[in-house]
C-alpha atoms as a PDB file:
ATOM      1  CA  MET A   1      -4.039-149.407  82.861  1.00  0.00           C
ATOM      2  CA  HIS A   2      -3.714-147.502  86.051  1.00  0.00           C
ATOM      3  CA  ASN A   3      -2.601-149.840  89.172  1.00  0.00           C
ATOM      4  CA  ASN A   4      -0.776-151.788  87.455  1.00  0.00           C
ATOM      5  CA  LEU A   5       1.821-152.764  89.983  1.00  0.00           C
ATOM      6  CA  ILE A   6       0.035-155.677  92.175  1.00  0.00           C
ATOM      7  CA  TYR A   7       1.134-158.174  95.040  1.00  0.00           C
ATOM      8  CA  LEU A   8      -0.223-161.488  94.335  1.00  0.00           C
ATOM      9  CA  THR A   9      -0.941-163.668  97.479  1.00  0.00           C
ATOM     10  CA  ASP A  10      -0.638-166.957  95.335  1.00  0.00           C
ATOM     11  CA  GLY A  11       3.542-166.868  95.777  1.00  0.00           C
ATOM     12  CA  ARG A  12       4.123-164.873  92.471  1.00  0.00           C
ATOM     13  CA  GLY A  13       4.991-161.850  94.988  1.00  0.00           C
ATOM     14  CA  LYS A  14       4.760-158.564  92.997  1.00  0.00           C
ATOM     15  CA  ILE A  15       3.906-158.026  89.336  1.00  0.00           C
ATOM     16  CA  ASP A  16       3.021-155.826  86.452  1.00  0.00           C
ATOM     17  CA  ALA A  17      -0.760-156.938  85.692  1.00  0.00           C
ATOM     18  CA  SER A  18      -0.663-154.862  82.239  1.00  0.00           C
ATOM     19  CA  LYS A  19       2.522-157.633  81.502  1.00  0.00           C
ATOM     20  CA  LEU A  20      -0.182-160.458  81.937  1.00  0.00           C
ATOM     21  CA  SER A  21      -1.216-162.752  78.887  1.00  0.00           C
ATOM     22  CA  ASP A  22      -4.670-163.334  77.986  1.00  0.00           C
ATOM     23  CA  ILE A  23      -5.096-166.553  79.525  1.00  0.00           C
ATOM     24  CA  GLU A  24      -3.035-165.785  82.983  1.00  0.00           C
ATOM     25  CA  TRP A  25      -5.400-162.362  83.300  1.00  0.00           C
ATOM     26  CA  ALA A  26      -8.501-164.030  82.556  1.00  0.00           C
ATOM     27  CA  ARG A  27      -7.406-166.599  85.317  1.00  0.00           C
ATOM     28  CA  LEU A  28      -6.840-163.640  87.396  1.00  0.00           C
ATOM     29  CA  VAL A  29     -10.302-162.211  86.755  1.00  0.00           C
ATOM     30  CA  ASP A  30     -12.145-165.570  87.595  1.00  0.00           C
ATOM     31  CA  ASP A  31      -9.741-166.289  90.539  1.00  0.00           C
ATOM     32  CA  ASN A  32     -10.658-162.914  92.216  1.00  0.00           C
ATOM     33  CA  HIS A  33     -14.165-162.885  91.640  1.00  0.00           C
ATOM     34  CA  ALA A  34     -14.918-162.235  95.331  1.00  0.00           C
ATOM     35  CA  SER A  35     -11.822-159.840  95.821  1.00  0.00           C
ATOM     36  CA  THR A  36     -12.101-158.810  99.748  1.00  0.00           C
ATOM     37  CA  ARG A  37     -13.105-162.466 100.349  1.00  0.00           C
ATOM     38  CA  ARG A  38     -10.204-163.852  98.250  1.00  0.00           C
ATOM     39  CA  GLN A  39      -7.479-161.355  99.570  1.00  0.00           C
ATOM     40  CA  LEU A  40      -5.365-162.613  96.196  1.00  0.00           C
ATOM     41  CA  VAL A  41      -4.308-159.223  94.873  1.00  0.00           C
ATOM     42  CA  LYS A  42      -3.028-156.337  96.827  1.00  0.00           C
ATOM     43  CA  CYS A  43      -2.354-153.228  95.840  1.00  0.00           C
ATOM     44  CA  ALA A  44       1.530-152.667  95.237  1.00  0.00           C
ATOM     45  CA  TRP A  45       1.197-148.703  95.603  1.00  0.00           C
ATOM     46  CA  CYS A  46      -0.818-148.795  98.855  1.00  0.00           C
ATOM     47  CA  TRP A  47       1.493-151.178 100.654  1.00  0.00           C
ATOM     48  CA  ASP A  48       5.170-150.241  99.128  1.00  0.00           C
ATOM     49  CA  GLU A  49       4.507-146.506 100.160  1.00  0.00           C
ATOM     50  CA  ASP A  50       2.295-146.716 103.468  1.00  0.00           C
ATOM     51  CA  ARG A  51       2.000-150.370 104.523  1.00  0.00           C
ATOM     52  CA  VAL A  52      -1.402-150.480 104.277  1.00  0.00           C
ATOM     53  CA  THR A  53      -3.346-153.790 102.718  1.00  0.00           C
ATOM     54  CA  HIS A  54      -6.135-153.231 100.175  1.00  0.00           C
ATOM     55  CA  TRP A  55      -7.772-155.878  98.471  1.00  0.00           C
ATOM     56  CA  MET A  56      -8.249-155.105  94.482  1.00  0.00           C
ATOM     57  CA  LYS A  57     -10.825-155.635  92.246  1.00  0.00           C
ATOM     58  CA  THR A  58      -9.993-156.962  88.800  1.00  0.00           C
ATOM     59  CA  TYR A  59     -11.869-157.060  85.701  1.00  0.00           C
ATOM     60  CA  SER A  60     -12.312-156.045  81.882  1.00  0.00           C
ATOM     61  CA  LEU A  61     -14.246-153.731  80.364  1.00  0.00           C
ATOM     62  CA  SER A  62     -16.504-154.352  77.196  1.00  0.00           C
ATOM     63  CA  ASN A  63     -13.510-153.013  74.943  1.00  0.00           C
ATOM     64  CA  GLY A  64     -10.971-155.240  76.681  1.00  0.00           C
ATOM     65  CA  THR A  65      -9.117-152.768  78.603  1.00  0.00           C
ATOM     66  CA  ARG A  66      -7.878-154.321  81.882  1.00  0.00           C
ATOM     67  CA  VAL A  67      -8.575-152.573  85.138  1.00  0.00           C
ATOM     68  CA  VAL A  68      -7.046-153.384  88.685  1.00  0.00           C
ATOM     69  CA  SER A  69      -9.563-150.934  91.052  1.00  0.00           C
ATOM     70  CA  HIS A  70      -9.914-150.099  94.604  1.00  0.00           C
ATOM     71  CA  GLN A  71     -12.822-151.132  96.401  1.00  0.00           C
ATOM     72  CA  ARG A  72     -15.690-147.707  96.251  1.00  0.00           C
ATOM     73  CA  GLY A  73     -14.174-145.229  98.883  1.00  0.00           C
ATOM     74  CA  GLU A  74     -11.289-146.812  99.551  1.00  0.00           C
ATOM     75  CA  CYS A  75      -7.984-144.862  97.837  1.00  0.00           C
ATOM     76  CA  ALA A  76      -7.846-143.014  94.595  1.00  0.00           C
ATOM     77  CA  ASP A  77      -6.389-144.593  91.398  1.00  0.00           C
ATOM     78  CA  HIS A  78      -2.761-144.577  91.028  1.00  0.00           C
ATOM     79  CA  PRO A  79      -0.457-143.718  87.927  1.00  0.00           C
ATOM     80  CA  TYR A  80       0.730-146.359  85.691  1.00  0.00           C
ATOM     81  CA  GLN A  81       3.987-147.543  87.004  1.00  0.00           C
ATOM     82  CA  SER A  82       6.735-149.825  85.527  1.00  0.00           C
ATOM     83  CA  LEU A  83       8.217-152.197  87.633  1.00  0.00           C
ATOM     84  CA  GLU A  84      12.016-151.779  88.828  1.00  0.00           C
ATOM     85  CA  SER A  85      14.695-153.897  87.659  1.00  0.00           C
ATOM     86  CA  ASP A  86      17.618-154.597  89.518  1.00  0.00           C
ATOM     87  CA  GLU A  87      19.614-152.055  87.122  1.00  0.00           C
ATOM     88  CA  HIS A  88      16.918-149.640  88.037  1.00  0.00           C
ATOM     89  CA  LYS A  89      17.209-150.400  91.396  1.00  0.00           C
ATOM     90  CA  ALA A  90      21.200-149.832  91.531  1.00  0.00           C
ATOM     91  CA  TYR A  91      20.800-146.937  89.663  1.00  0.00           C
ATOM     92  CA  CYS A  92      19.094-145.262  92.061  1.00  0.00           C
ATOM     93  CA  ASP A  93      21.033-146.631  94.733  1.00  0.00           C
ATOM     94  CA  ARG A  94      24.269-144.962  93.005  1.00  0.00           C
ATOM     95  CA  VAL A  95      22.438-141.920  92.656  1.00  0.00           C
ATOM     96  CA  GLU A  96      21.828-141.615  96.736  1.00  0.00           C
ATOM     97  CA  ARG A  97      24.981-143.306  97.673  1.00  0.00           C
ATOM     98  CA  VAL A  98      26.994-140.403  95.764  1.00  0.00           C
ATOM     99  CA  GLY A  99      24.362-137.906  96.688  1.00  0.00           C
ATOM    100  CA  GLN A 100      24.830-138.447 100.534  1.00  0.00           C
ATOM    101  CA  ALA A 101      28.187-138.758 100.482  1.00  0.00           C
ATOM    102  CA  GLU A 102      28.603-135.046  98.608  1.00  0.00           C
ATOM    103  CA  GLY A 103      26.481-133.912 101.792  1.00  0.00           C
ATOM    104  CA  PHE A 104      23.037-133.516 100.239  1.00  0.00           C
ATOM    105  CA  GLN A 105      20.112-135.368 101.909  1.00  0.00           C
ATOM    106  CA  ALA A 106      18.329-137.973  99.954  1.00  0.00           C
ATOM    107  CA  ARG A 107      14.833-139.119  99.411  1.00  0.00           C
ATOM    108  CA  ARG A 108      13.743-142.588  97.840  1.00  0.00           C
ATOM    109  CA  GLU A 109      10.326-142.791  95.832  1.00  0.00           C
ATOM    110  CA  ASP A 110       9.392-139.029  97.003  1.00  0.00           C
ATOM    111  CA  ARG A 111       5.531-138.439  96.898  1.00  0.00           C
ATOM    112  CA  ALA A 112       4.656-134.866  95.969  1.00  0.00           C
ATOM    113  CA  ASP A 113       2.087-133.852  98.254  1.00  0.00           C
ATOM    114  CA  ASP A 114      -0.922-133.629  95.748  1.00  0.00           C
ATOM    115  CA  GLY A 115       0.251-137.109  95.378  1.00  0.00           C
ATOM    116  CA  ARG A 116       0.596-137.101  91.361  1.00  0.00           C
ATOM    117  CA  THR A 117       4.114-137.275  91.265  1.00  0.00           C
ATOM    118  CA  ARG A 118       7.299-138.742  92.938  1.00  0.00           C
ATOM    119  CA  SER A 119      10.846-138.957  92.384  1.00  0.00           C
ATOM    120  CA  ASP A 120      12.848-142.136  91.734  1.00  0.00           C
ATOM    121  CA  VAL A 121      15.172-140.632  94.097  1.00  0.00           C
ATOM    122  CA  LEU A 122      15.049-136.500  95.256  1.00  0.00           C
ATOM    123  CA  LEU A 123      18.300-135.023  96.082  1.00  0.00           C
ATOM    124  CA  VAL A 124      18.222-131.822  98.426  1.00  0.00           C
ATOM    125  CA  GLY A 125      21.043-129.357  98.405  1.00  0.00           C
ATOM    126  CA  ASP A 126      20.835-125.725  97.183  1.00  0.00           C
ATOM    127  CA  ILE A 127      18.482-126.854  95.003  1.00  0.00           C
ATOM    128  CA  ARG A 128      15.886-129.763  95.146  1.00  0.00           C
ATOM    129  CA  VAL A 129      16.763-131.888  92.145  1.00  0.00           C
ATOM    130  CA  SER A 130      14.435-134.954  91.150  1.00  0.00           C
ATOM    131  CA  TYR A 131      16.540-137.945  89.521  1.00  0.00           C
ATOM    132  CA  GLU A 132      14.493-140.044  86.940  1.00  0.00           C
ATOM    133  CA  MET A 133      15.705-143.308  85.920  1.00  0.00           C
ATOM    134  CA  GLN A 134      14.052-144.426  82.576  1.00  0.00           C
ATOM    135  CA  HIS A 135      14.797-147.542  81.346  1.00  0.00           C
ATOM    136  CA  SER A 136      11.589-148.397  79.395  1.00  0.00           C
ATOM    137  CA  PRO A 137       9.183-146.600  77.268  1.00  0.00           C
ATOM    138  CA  PHE A 138       7.202-144.077  78.602  1.00  0.00           C
ATOM    139  CA  LYS A 139       3.516-144.179  78.976  1.00  0.00           C
ATOM    140  CA  ARG A 140       0.647-142.354  77.453  1.00  0.00           C
ATOM    141  CA  GLY A 141      -0.730-139.815  79.914  1.00  0.00           C
ATOM    142  CA  TYR A 142       2.054-139.923  82.430  1.00  0.00           C
ATOM    143  CA  GLY A 143       5.127-139.556  80.261  1.00  0.00           C
ATOM    144  CA  ALA A 144       8.322-136.880  80.683  1.00  0.00           C
ATOM    145  CA  LYS A 145       6.741-133.735  79.761  1.00  0.00           C
ATOM    146  CA  GLU A 146       3.589-134.056  82.238  1.00  0.00           C
ATOM    147  CA  ARG A 147       5.813-135.161  85.118  1.00  0.00           C
ATOM    148  CA  THR A 148       8.753-132.360  84.043  1.00  0.00           C
ATOM    149  CA  ARG A 149       5.778-129.705  83.800  1.00  0.00           C
ATOM    150  CA  ARG A 150       4.865-131.074  87.262  1.00  0.00           C
ATOM    151  CA  SER A 151       7.746-130.843  89.264  1.00  0.00           C
ATOM    152  CA  PRO A 152       7.249-126.970  90.470  1.00  0.00           C
ATOM    153  CA  ALA A 153       3.958-127.636  92.298  1.00  0.00           C
ATOM    154  CA  ALA A 154       5.619-130.881  93.479  1.00  0.00           C
ATOM    155  CA  GLN A 155       8.855-128.604  94.970  1.00  0.00           C
ATOM    156  CA  ARG A 156      11.181-129.548  92.612  1.00  0.00           C
ATOM    157  CA  ASP A 157      13.232-127.412  90.991  1.00  0.00           C
ATOM    158  CA  ALA A 158      14.877-129.607  88.323  1.00  0.00           C
ATOM    159  CA  VAL A 159      14.332-133.007  86.518  1.00  0.00           C
ATOM    160  CA  ALA A 160      16.922-134.565  85.788  1.00  0.00           C
ATOM    161  CA  TRP A 161      15.850-137.704  83.280  1.00  0.00           C
ATOM    162  CA  HIS A 162      18.673-140.285  82.461  1.00  0.00           C
ATOM    163  CA  THR A 163      18.585-143.841  80.794  1.00  0.00           C
ATOM    164  CA  ASP A 164      21.381-145.716  79.156  1.00  0.00           C
ATOM    165  CA  SER A 165      18.671-146.482  76.053  1.00  0.00           C
ATOM    166  CA  SER A 166      19.650-144.552  72.595  1.00  0.00           C
ATOM    167  CA  ILE A 167      15.884-145.599  71.904  1.00  0.00           C
ATOM    168  CA  ILE A 168      14.400-143.854  74.723  1.00  0.00           C
ATOM    169  CA  ALA A 169      17.036-140.791  74.900  1.00  0.00           C
ATOM    170  CA  THR A 170      15.988-140.294  70.712  1.00  0.00           C
ATOM    171  CA  GLY A 171      12.443-140.578  71.628  1.00  0.00           C
ATOM    172  CA  ALA A 172      12.142-138.513  74.610  1.00  0.00           C
ATOM    173  CA  SER A 173       9.914-134.928  74.662  1.00  0.00           C
ATOM    174  CA  VAL A 174      12.339-133.617  77.657  1.00  0.00           C
ATOM    175  CA  ALA A 175      15.998-133.023  78.267  1.00  0.00           C
ATOM    176  CA  MET A 176      17.556-136.320  79.127  1.00  0.00           C
ATOM    177  CA  LEU A 177      20.680-137.401  79.855  1.00  0.00           C
ATOM    178  CA  ARG A 178      22.048-140.896  78.014  1.00  0.00           C
ATOM    179  CA  SER A 179      25.186-142.730  79.529  1.00  0.00           C
ATOM    180  CA  ASN A 180      26.827-145.606  77.990  1.00  0.00           C
ATOM    181  CA  GLN A 181      25.108-149.001  79.288  1.00  0.00           C
ATOM    182  CA  ALA A 182      26.520-150.864  81.789  1.00  0.00           C
ATOM    183  CA  ARG A 183      25.656-154.361  83.232  1.00  0.00           C
ATOM    184  CA  LEU A 184      24.549-154.487  86.776  1.00  0.00           C
ATOM    185  CA  PRO A 185      28.321-155.327  88.709  1.00  0.00           C
ATOM    186  CA  GLN A 186      29.419-152.129  87.059  1.00  0.00           C
ATOM    187  CA  ILE A 187      26.909-150.189  87.979  1.00  0.00           C
ATOM    188  CA  GLU A 188      26.644-151.181  91.580  1.00  0.00           C
ATOM    189  CA  ASN A 189      30.872-150.785  91.144  1.00  0.00           C
ATOM    190  CA  PRO A 190      31.622-146.703  92.568  1.00  0.00           C
ATOM    191  CA  ARG A 191      34.815-147.246  90.954  1.00  0.00           C
ATOM    192  CA  TYR A 192      33.634-147.832  87.551  1.00  0.00           C
ATOM    193  CA  GLU A 193      32.719-144.541  85.635  1.00  0.00           C
ATOM    194  CA  LEU A 194      29.510-144.230  83.997  1.00  0.00           C
ATOM    195  CA  ARG A 195      29.763-141.470  81.259  1.00  0.00           C
ATOM    196  CA  ILE A 196      27.383-139.092  79.702  1.00  0.00           C
ATOM    197  CA  LEU A 197      27.265-139.829  75.637  1.00  0.00           C
ATOM    198  CA  GLY A 198      24.174-136.987  75.418  1.00  0.00           C
ATOM    199  CA  GLY A 199      22.289-134.643  76.731  1.00  0.00           C
ATOM    200  CA  TYR A 200      25.053-132.682  78.464  1.00  0.00           C
ATOM    201  CA  ARG A 201      26.421-129.717  76.233  1.00  0.00           C
ATOM    202  CA  LYS A 202      28.728-127.275  76.662  1.00  0.00           C
ATOM    203  CA  VAL A 203      27.526-123.381  75.412  1.00  0.00           C
ATOM    204  CA  LEU A 204      29.915-121.893  73.032  1.00  0.00           C
ATOM    205  CA  VAL A 205      30.021-118.121  71.765  1.00  0.00           C
ATOM    206  CA  TRP A 206      32.201-116.379  69.025  1.00  0.00           C
ATOM    207  CA  GLU A 207      32.350-113.399  66.807  1.00  0.00           C
ATOM    208  CA  CYS A 208      31.440-114.354  63.438  1.00  0.00           C
ATOM    209  CA  THR A 209      34.725-112.654  61.578  1.00  0.00           C
ATOM    210  CA  SER A 210      37.218-113.674  59.003  1.00  0.00           C
ATOM    211  CA  ARG A 211      40.133-114.139  61.416  1.00  0.00           C
ATOM    212  CA  GLU A 212      39.889-117.697  62.860  1.00  0.00           C
ATOM    213  CA  GLY A 213      38.756-120.920  60.836  1.00  0.00           C
ATOM    214  CA  HIS A 214      35.282-122.056  62.093  1.00  0.00           C
ATOM    215  CA  ARG A 215      31.815-122.436  60.046  1.00  0.00           C
ATOM    216  CA  CYS A 216      29.397-119.144  59.930  1.00  0.00           C
ATOM    217  CA  PRO A 217      25.878-120.462  60.739  1.00  0.00           C
ATOM    218  CA  GLN A 218      24.347-118.463  58.003  1.00  0.00           C
ATOM    219  CA  GLY A 219      26.688-120.052  55.277  1.00  0.00           C
ATOM    220  CA  ARG A 220      28.961-116.717  54.625  1.00  0.00           C
ATOM    221  CA  PHE A 221      32.981-117.742  53.858  1.00  0.00           C
ATOM    222  CA  ALA A 222      34.144-114.362  55.607  1.00  0.00           C
ATOM    223  CA  GLY A 223      31.519-114.222  58.072  1.00  0.00           C
ATOM    224  CA  CYS A 224      28.479-112.585  59.079  1.00  0.00           C
ATOM    225  CA  GLY A 225      29.683-110.009  61.951  1.00  0.00           C
ATOM    226  CA  ALA A 226      27.020-111.260  64.059  1.00  0.00           C
ATOM    227  CA  THR A 227      27.504-113.082  67.764  1.00  0.00           C
ATOM    228  CA  HIS A 228      27.085-116.741  67.526  1.00  0.00           C
ATOM    229  CA  VAL A 229      25.955-118.882  70.779  1.00  0.00           C
ATOM    230  CA  ASP A 230      25.569-122.668  69.776  1.00  0.00           C
ATOM    231  CA  SER A 231      26.092-125.649  71.709  1.00  0.00           C
ATOM    232  CA  GLN A 232      28.015-128.889  71.656  1.00  0.00           C
ATOM    233  CA  PRO A 233      28.263-132.570  73.573  1.00  0.00           C
ATOM    234  CA  THR A 234      30.931-132.433  76.343  1.00  0.00           C
ATOM    235  CA  ALA A 235      32.027-135.173  78.789  1.00  0.00           C
ATOM    236  CA  ILE A 236      30.899-135.475  82.429  1.00  0.00           C
ATOM    237  CA  THR A 237      30.399-138.643  84.610  1.00  0.00           C
ATOM    238  CA  LEU A 238      26.886-139.655  85.634  1.00  0.00           C
ATOM    239  CA  ASP A 239      28.565-139.156  89.730  1.00  0.00           C
ATOM    240  CA  ASP A 240      29.959-136.006  88.681  1.00  0.00           C
ATOM    241  CA  PHE A 241      26.515-134.886  87.672  1.00  0.00           C
ATOM    242  CA  ILE A 242      24.795-136.166  90.913  1.00  0.00           C
ATOM    243  CA  ARG A 243      27.058-133.872  92.446  1.00  0.00           C
ATOM    244  CA  GLN A 244      27.040-130.802  90.745  1.00  0.00           C
ATOM    245  CA  ALA A 245      23.123-130.581  89.840  1.00  0.00           C
ATOM    246  CA  PRO A 246      21.942-130.149  93.946  1.00  0.00           C
ATOM    247  CA  ALA A 247      24.605-127.565  94.141  1.00  0.00           C
ATOM    248  CA  GLY A 248      22.973-125.337  91.190  1.00  0.00           C
ATOM    249  CA  LEU A 249      26.379-125.621  89.056  1.00  0.00           C
ATOM    250  CA  VAL A 250      24.328-127.367  86.383  1.00  0.00           C
ATOM    251  CA  VAL A 251      20.865-126.777  84.984  1.00  0.00           C
ATOM    252  CA  PRO A 252      18.333-127.857  81.963  1.00  0.00           C
ATOM    253  CA  VAL A 253      18.010-125.563  79.200  1.00  0.00           C
ATOM    254  CA  ARG A 254      14.576-125.951  77.208  1.00  0.00           C
ATOM    255  CA  PRO A 255      13.672-128.995  79.968  1.00  0.00           C
ATOM    256  CA  LEU A 256      10.359-129.578  78.201  1.00  0.00           C
ATOM    257  CA  GLU A 257      11.763-129.641  74.789  1.00  0.00           C
ATOM    258  CA  ARG A 258      13.306-132.900  72.835  1.00  0.00           C
ATOM    259  CA  SER A 259      16.587-130.994  71.917  1.00  0.00           C
ATOM    260  CA  GLY A 260      16.511-129.734  75.675  1.00  0.00           C
ATOM    261  CA  PHE A 261      20.414-130.065  77.095  1.00  0.00           C
ATOM    262  CA  TRP A 262      21.793-129.844  80.495  1.00  0.00           C
ATOM    263  CA  THR A 263      25.063-127.456  81.103  1.00  0.00           C
ATOM    264  CA  THR A 264      26.704-125.332  83.126  1.00  0.00           C
ATOM    265  CA  THR A 265      24.886-121.885  85.079  1.00  0.00           C
ATOM    266  CA  GLN A 266      27.529-119.839  82.656  1.00  0.00           C
ATOM    267  CA  GLY A 267      26.576-121.620  79.828  1.00  0.00           C
ATOM    268  CA  TYR A 268      22.792-121.338  80.694  1.00  0.00           C
ATOM    269  CA  GLN A 269      22.882-117.668  81.078  1.00  0.00           C
ATOM    270  CA  ILE A 270      24.409-116.792  78.372  1.00  0.00           C
ATOM    271  CA  TRP A 271      22.039-119.262  76.276  1.00  0.00           C
ATOM    272  CA  VAL A 272      19.052-117.460  77.716  1.00  0.00           C
ATOM    273  CA  ASP A 273      20.527-113.678  77.028  1.00  0.00           C
ATOM    274  CA  HIS A 274      20.880-114.801  73.731  1.00  0.00           C
ATOM    275  CA  HIS A 275      18.426-117.182  72.843  1.00  0.00           C
ATOM    276  CA  GLY A 276      15.396-116.567  75.229  1.00  0.00           C
ATOM    277  CA  GLU A 277      14.216-118.274  78.329  1.00  0.00           C
ATOM    278  CA  SER A 278      12.499-120.973  76.482  1.00  0.00           C
ATOM    279  CA  SER A 279      12.405-120.702  73.021  1.00  0.00           C
ATOM    280  CA  PRO A 280      15.127-122.549  70.819  1.00  0.00           C
ATOM    281  CA  PRO A 281      16.822-120.244  68.585  1.00  0.00           C
ATOM    282  CA  GLY A 282      15.466-119.501  65.325  1.00  0.00           C
ATOM    283  CA  PRO A 283      12.295-119.890  63.894  1.00  0.00           C
ATOM    284  CA  ASN A 284      10.911-122.473  65.603  1.00  0.00           C
ATOM    285  CA  LYS A 285      13.983-124.357  64.825  1.00  0.00           C
ATOM    286  CA  ALA A 286      16.446-125.953  67.106  1.00  0.00           C
ATOM    287  CA  PRO A 287      20.340-125.080  66.376  1.00  0.00           C
ATOM    288  CA  ARG A 288      21.993-127.026  63.526  1.00  0.00           C
ATOM    289  CA  ARG A 289      24.467-129.036  64.330  1.00  0.00           C
ATOM    290  CA  GLN A 290      28.040-128.617  63.155  1.00  0.00           C
ATOM    291  CA  ALA A 291      28.445-131.125  60.713  1.00  0.00           C
ATOM    292  CA  GLU A 292      24.940-129.572  58.875  1.00  0.00           C
ATOM    293  CA  ARG A 293      26.548-126.506  58.114  1.00  0.00           C
ATOM    294  CA  GLN A 294      27.472-125.797  54.678  1.00  0.00           C
ATOM    295  CA  ALA A 295      30.169-122.885  54.605  1.00  0.00           C
ATOM    296  CA  ASP A 296      33.660-122.413  56.343  1.00  0.00           C
ATOM    297  CA  GLY A 297      33.835-119.209  57.593  1.00  0.00           C
ATOM    298  CA  HIS A 298      36.392-118.212  59.968  1.00  0.00           C
ATOM    299  CA  SER A 299      35.663-117.579  63.590  1.00  0.00           C
ATOM    300  CA  ARG A 300      36.285-118.889  66.614  1.00  0.00           C
ATOM    301  CA  ARG A 301      34.331-120.018  69.583  1.00  0.00           C
ATOM    302  CA  THR A 302      34.944-120.171  72.989  1.00  0.00           C
ATOM    303  CA  ALA A 303      33.692-122.099  75.620  1.00  0.00           C
ATOM    304  CA  ALA A 304      31.285-120.287  77.802  1.00  0.00           C
ATOM    305  CA  GLU A 305      32.971-121.162  81.348  1.00  0.00           C
ATOM    306  CA  ASP A 306      36.370-119.851  79.745  1.00  0.00           C
ATOM    307  CA  HIS A 307      36.793-116.522  79.026  1.00  0.00           C
ATOM    308  CA  ALA A 308      40.626-116.300  79.070  1.00  0.00           C
ATOM    309  CA  PRO A 309      42.344-114.969  76.537  1.00  0.00           C
ATOM    310  CA  HIS A 310      43.280-117.989  73.679  1.00  0.00           C
ATOM    311  CA  VAL A 311      46.223-118.423  71.471  1.00  0.00           C
ATOM    312  CA  LEU A 312      45.276-117.820  67.761  1.00  0.00           C
ATOM    313  CA  GLN A 313      44.608-121.108  65.972  1.00  0.00           C
ATOM    314  CA  GLN A 314      45.870-121.814  62.590  1.00  0.00           C
ATOM    315  CA  HIS A 315      42.989-122.124  59.778  1.00  0.00           C
ATOM    316  CA  THR A 316      41.891-126.170  59.271  1.00  0.00           C
ATOM    317  CA  THR A 317      39.406-127.722  57.604  1.00  0.00           C
ATOM    318  CA  GLU A 318      38.912-129.925  60.848  1.00  0.00           C
ATOM    319  CA  VAL A 319      35.176-130.099  62.115  1.00  0.00           C
ATOM    320  CA  HIS A 320      35.628-128.900  65.509  1.00  0.00           C
ATOM    321  CA  ALA A 321      32.465-130.298  67.479  1.00  0.00           C
ATOM    322  CA  VAL A 322      32.468-133.698  69.092  1.00  0.00           C
ATOM    323  CA  PRO A 323      29.419-135.978  67.616  1.00  0.00           C
ATOM    324  CA  GLU A 324      27.234-137.866  69.494  1.00  0.00           C
ATOM    325  CA  ALA A 325      28.278-141.075  70.270  1.00  0.00           C
ATOM    326  CA  PRO A 326      26.780-143.471  67.647  1.00  0.00           C
ATOM    327  CA  ASP A 327      24.844-146.769  68.670  1.00  0.00           C
ATOM    328  CA  GLU A 328      27.585-149.006  67.019  1.00  0.00           C
ATOM    329  CA  LEU A 329      30.142-147.274  69.543  1.00  0.00           C
ATOM    330  CA  ILE A 330      27.987-147.983  72.304  1.00  0.00           C
ATOM    331  CA  THR A 331      27.775-151.458  70.940  1.00  0.00           C
ATOM    332  CA  LEU A 332      31.207-152.087  70.630  1.00  0.00           C
ATOM    333  CA  GLN A 333      32.060-150.546  74.231  1.00  0.00           C
ATOM    334  CA  ARG A 334      29.216-153.170  75.683  1.00  0.00           C
ATOM    335  CA  SER A 335      31.460-155.762  74.337  1.00  0.00           C
ATOM    336  CA  ALA A 336      34.670-154.945  75.635  1.00  0.00           C
ATOM    337  CA  LEU A 337      32.863-154.394  78.661  1.00  0.00           C
ATOM    338  CA  GLU A 338      31.821-158.303  78.428  1.00  0.00           C
ATOM    339  CA  GLU A 339      35.184-159.522  77.748  1.00  0.00           C
ATOM    340  CA  GLN A 340      36.915-156.851  80.474  1.00  0.00           C
ATOM    341  CA  ALA A 341      34.292-158.302  83.081  1.00  0.00           C
ATOM    342  CA  LYS A 342      35.883-161.977  82.419  1.00  0.00           C
ATOM    343  CA  LEU A 343      39.247-160.816  84.039  1.00  0.00           C
ATOM    344  CA  ALA A 344      38.142-161.319  87.318  1.00  0.00           C
ATOM    345  CA  GLY A 345      39.738-164.511  88.853  1.00  0.00           C
ATOM    346  CA  LEU A 346      42.109-164.753  86.361  1.00  0.00           C
ATOM    347  CA  GLU A 347      45.955-164.883  86.407  1.00  0.00           C
ATOM    348  CA  GLY A 348      49.141-165.306  84.310  1.00  0.00           C
ATOM    349  CA  GLY A 349      48.555-166.540  81.159  1.00  0.00           C
ATOM    350  CA  SER A 350      45.305-166.895  81.181  1.00  0.00           C
ATOM    351  CA  ARG A 351      44.662-163.244  82.476  1.00  0.00           C
ATOM    352  CA  ASP A 352      46.788-161.990  79.338  1.00  0.00           C
ATOM    353  CA  ALA A 353      44.959-164.044  76.631  1.00  0.00           C
ATOM    354  CA  GLN A 354      41.821-162.549  78.011  1.00  0.00           C
ATOM    355  CA  TRP A 355      43.223-159.100  78.058  1.00  0.00           C
ATOM    356  CA  LYS A 356      44.156-158.853  74.718  1.00  0.00           C
ATOM    357  CA  VAL A 357      40.698-159.698  73.733  1.00  0.00           C
END
């Protein structure tokens, strides 16, 4: 359904027409039969963007598809758009606040000149980064890949997708940042750290020899003698990412692929020099995770942003890769944050007891 977001003048306000029950939709179609005279259904996109009132027609096709459309010759249909939650607005507020404090120009709901895409928040610095907060499943035909592919035409240098849902992050077809789940007061609190748990990685490079312990990607215990470039998860906060991306300090690697990620400009250059601009390493295959490699070689990996001499490390069987945070850890963290929030207003013994919880 296009034009799904509408304003109803009967007191219900802004709603998503696609989420109405069948009974509610049938009643709306009946009540809005003479749409221009009834003046019940108003286009939310036209009103929010341009403060223009367009009274919408509502009907169903023979196959049951719901249609909310403009009057003939009035305006083009709009892409499907999810109704913003309070958390979504809070994330956008945070991006705008942090970006402006860093000296970047911030534009909310910035629409491209062709009208086909718009950014939740566009930050303009050395480069133009469109921040997109995704907290509901993507709609077919207007998903992340389509919107990312259109970004050059919309004068965006990069699209930074963000979610706090492991399900959405796993199913996304583009490079996507995933942070820890937070409640509304925590998102609104500028002192609360939102940490990126996935989608931001460190690029590593090493000579595969038998001198220092590390697994050879080719499964050779003594090393294969080649230079390897791989990546592993590393830590960054959402606020630091917001500060660095418009300055061009972090960039996306393979942004239109599920296995894409963000990294530093130094890491990006090493990755591109080794693997190419867009193709993943190997024959149409993403790099294997460290835990999937079987042979234990003896090479030392070096972070791309740190080429200083390293002290030789002793051989160890410990796996050095930092795994992505599992869902059970996120659930545990969420419970801890809920208990921590209950500390507000407590004093003395009550606070000590709650702190132990």
